[in-house]
Amino acid sequence: MPKNVTIFTTDRCGYCHMVKKYLGIKGVSYEEVNLDQEPNRQAEALSLSGALTVPVTVVTKSDDSREVIVGYNLSKLAPAIS
């Protein structure tokens, strides 16, 4: 299991909802950073992902390595949280 998971989202993002639902089904807790409510953190999401889109999911492993997944990408998200 990951040490920490953070998801950068917006209110109108359907893929964000799908990532949160998937993590919930898998029993993985996460911190949500809603960029509509915290626009000052947009630069953080961009620097982590290099993308101007959400969701940006940051999975921090127990060894403190990080994997950044952009979008609803189960082929990357599933192994990152296992």
C-alpha atoms as a PDB file:
ATOM      1  CA  MET A   1       0.000   0.000   0.000  1.00  0.00           C
ATOM      2  CA  PRO A   2       1.166   3.534  -0.668  1.00  0.00           C
ATOM      3  CA  LYS A   3       2.306   5.806   2.124  1.00  0.00           C
ATOM      4  CA  ASN A   4       0.311   8.747   0.798  1.00  0.00           C
ATOM      5  CA  VAL A   5      -1.925   9.592  -2.170  1.00  0.00           C
ATOM      6  CA  THR A   6      -2.833  13.119  -3.233  1.00  0.00           C
ATOM      7  CA  ILE A   7      -5.275  13.908  -6.050  1.00  0.00           C
ATOM      8  CA  PHE A   8      -5.469  17.331  -7.661  1.00  0.00           C
ATOM      9  CA  THR A   9      -9.041  17.814  -8.916  1.00  0.00           C
ATOM     10  CA  THR A  10     -11.615  20.376 -10.032  1.00  0.00           C
ATOM     11  CA  ASP A  11     -15.354  20.509  -9.450  1.00  0.00           C
ATOM     12  CA  ARG A  12     -16.346  19.719 -13.044  1.00  0.00           C
ATOM     13  CA  CYS A  13     -13.910  16.868 -13.689  1.00  0.00           C
ATOM     14  CA  GLY A  14     -15.581  13.530 -14.422  1.00  0.00           C
ATOM     15  CA  TYR A  15     -12.262  11.681 -14.526  1.00  0.00           C
ATOM     16  CA  CYS A  16     -11.423  13.041 -11.076  1.00  0.00           C
ATOM     17  CA  HIS A  17     -14.607  11.465  -9.742  1.00  0.00           C
ATOM     18  CA  MET A  18     -13.659   8.156 -11.397  1.00  0.00           C
ATOM     19  CA  VAL A  19     -10.173   8.150  -9.815  1.00  0.00           C
ATOM     20  CA  LYS A  20     -11.637   8.887  -6.360  1.00  0.00           C
ATOM     21  CA  LYS A  21     -14.233   6.145  -6.810  1.00  0.00           C
ATOM     22  CA  TYR A  22     -11.564   3.639  -7.909  1.00  0.00           C
ATOM     23  CA  LEU A  23      -9.375   4.435  -4.898  1.00  0.00           C
ATOM     24  CA  GLY A  24     -12.392   4.104  -2.616  1.00  0.00           C
ATOM     25  CA  ILE A  25     -13.200   0.674  -4.045  1.00  0.00           C
ATOM     26  CA  LYS A  26      -9.572  -0.353  -3.477  1.00  0.00           C
ATOM     27  CA  GLY A  27      -9.665   0.955   0.098  1.00  0.00           C
ATOM     28  CA  VAL A  28      -6.935   3.539  -0.500  1.00  0.00           C
ATOM     29  CA  SER A  29      -7.270   6.780   1.433  1.00  0.00           C
ATOM     30  CA  TYR A  30      -6.218  10.006  -0.239  1.00  0.00           C
ATOM     31  CA  GLU A  31      -5.944  13.741   0.192  1.00  0.00           C
ATOM     32  CA  GLU A  32      -7.918  15.763  -2.329  1.00  0.00           C
ATOM     33  CA  VAL A  33      -6.685  19.165  -3.471  1.00  0.00           C
ATOM     34  CA  ASN A  34      -9.559  20.874  -5.269  1.00  0.00           C
ATOM     35  CA  LEU A  35      -7.972  23.485  -7.517  1.00  0.00           C
ATOM     36  CA  ASP A  36     -11.271  25.384  -7.819  1.00  0.00           C
ATOM     37  CA  GLN A  37     -11.128  25.943  -4.060  1.00  0.00           C
ATOM     38  CA  GLU A  38      -7.333  26.240  -3.806  1.00  0.00           C
ATOM     39  CA  PRO A  39      -6.210  27.946  -7.045  1.00  0.00           C
ATOM     40  CA  ASN A  40      -2.902  28.877  -5.403  1.00  0.00           C
ATOM     41  CA  ARG A  41      -1.897  25.184  -5.710  1.00  0.00           C
ATOM     42  CA  GLN A  42      -2.254  25.035  -9.519  1.00  0.00           C
ATOM     43  CA  ALA A  43       1.464  25.712  -9.987  1.00  0.00           C
ATOM     44  CA  GLU A  44       2.225  22.771  -7.690  1.00  0.00           C
ATOM     45  CA  ALA A  45       0.091  20.415  -9.788  1.00  0.00           C
ATOM     46  CA  LEU A  46       1.703  21.701 -12.987  1.00  0.00           C
ATOM     47  CA  SER A  47       5.249  21.307 -11.658  1.00  0.00           C
ATOM     48  CA  LEU A  48       4.520  17.745 -10.525  1.00  0.00           C
ATOM     49  CA  SER A  49       2.846  16.601 -13.728  1.00  0.00           C
ATOM     50  CA  GLY A  50       3.910  18.940 -16.507  1.00  0.00           C
ATOM     51  CA  ALA A  51       0.243  18.879 -17.539  1.00  0.00           C
ATOM     52  CA  LEU A  52      -2.486  21.509 -17.548  1.00  0.00           C
ATOM     53  CA  THR A  53      -5.182  18.934 -16.874  1.00  0.00           C
ATOM     54  CA  VAL A  54      -6.662  17.053 -13.949  1.00  0.00           C
ATOM     55  CA  PRO A  55      -6.771  14.663 -12.260  1.00  0.00           C
ATOM     56  CA  VAL A  56      -3.161  14.568 -11.202  1.00  0.00           C
ATOM     57  CA  THR A  57      -2.629  11.715  -8.760  1.00  0.00           C
ATOM     58  CA  VAL A  58       0.592  11.639  -6.749  1.00  0.00           C
ATOM     59  CA  VAL A  59       1.363   8.300  -5.124  1.00  0.00           C
ATOM     60  CA  THR A  60       4.110   8.387  -2.503  1.00  0.00           C
ATOM     61  CA  LYS A  61       5.506   4.937  -1.739  1.00  0.00           C
ATOM     62  CA  SER A  62       6.863   3.742   1.597  1.00  0.00           C
ATOM     63  CA  ASP A  63      10.425   4.437   0.352  1.00  0.00           C
ATOM     64  CA  ASP A  64       9.352   8.069  -0.348  1.00  0.00           C
ATOM     65  CA  SER A  65       9.597   7.634  -4.121  1.00  0.00           C
ATOM     66  CA  ARG A  66       6.739   9.279  -5.995  1.00  0.00           C
ATOM     67  CA  GLU A  67       4.749   8.336  -9.041  1.00  0.00           C
ATOM     68  CA  VAL A  68       2.667  10.990 -10.782  1.00  0.00           C
ATOM     69  CA  ILE A  69      -0.293   9.801 -12.855  1.00  0.00           C
ATOM     70  CA  VAL A  70      -2.123  12.236 -15.122  1.00  0.00           C
ATOM     71  CA  GLY A  71      -5.741  11.533 -16.019  1.00  0.00           C
ATOM     72  CA  TYR A  72      -7.767   8.388 -15.426  1.00  0.00           C
ATOM     73  CA  ASN A  73      -5.068   5.876 -16.275  1.00  0.00           C
ATOM     74  CA  LEU A  74      -5.719   2.561 -14.526  1.00  0.00           C
ATOM     75  CA  SER A  75      -2.777   0.868 -16.240  1.00  0.00           C
ATOM     76  CA  LYS A  76      -0.508   3.206 -14.224  1.00  0.00           C
ATOM     77  CA  LEU A  77      -2.671   3.803 -11.158  1.00  0.00           C
ATOM     78  CA  ALA A  78      -3.360   0.144 -10.296  1.00  0.00           C
ATOM     79  CA  PRO A  79       0.297  -0.910  -9.972  1.00  0.00           C
ATOM     80  CA  ALA A  80       1.225   2.368  -8.246  1.00  0.00           C
ATOM     81  CA  ILE A  81      -1.168   1.708  -5.354  1.00  0.00           C
ATOM     82  CA  SER A  82      -0.445  -2.010  -4.958  1.00  0.00           C
END
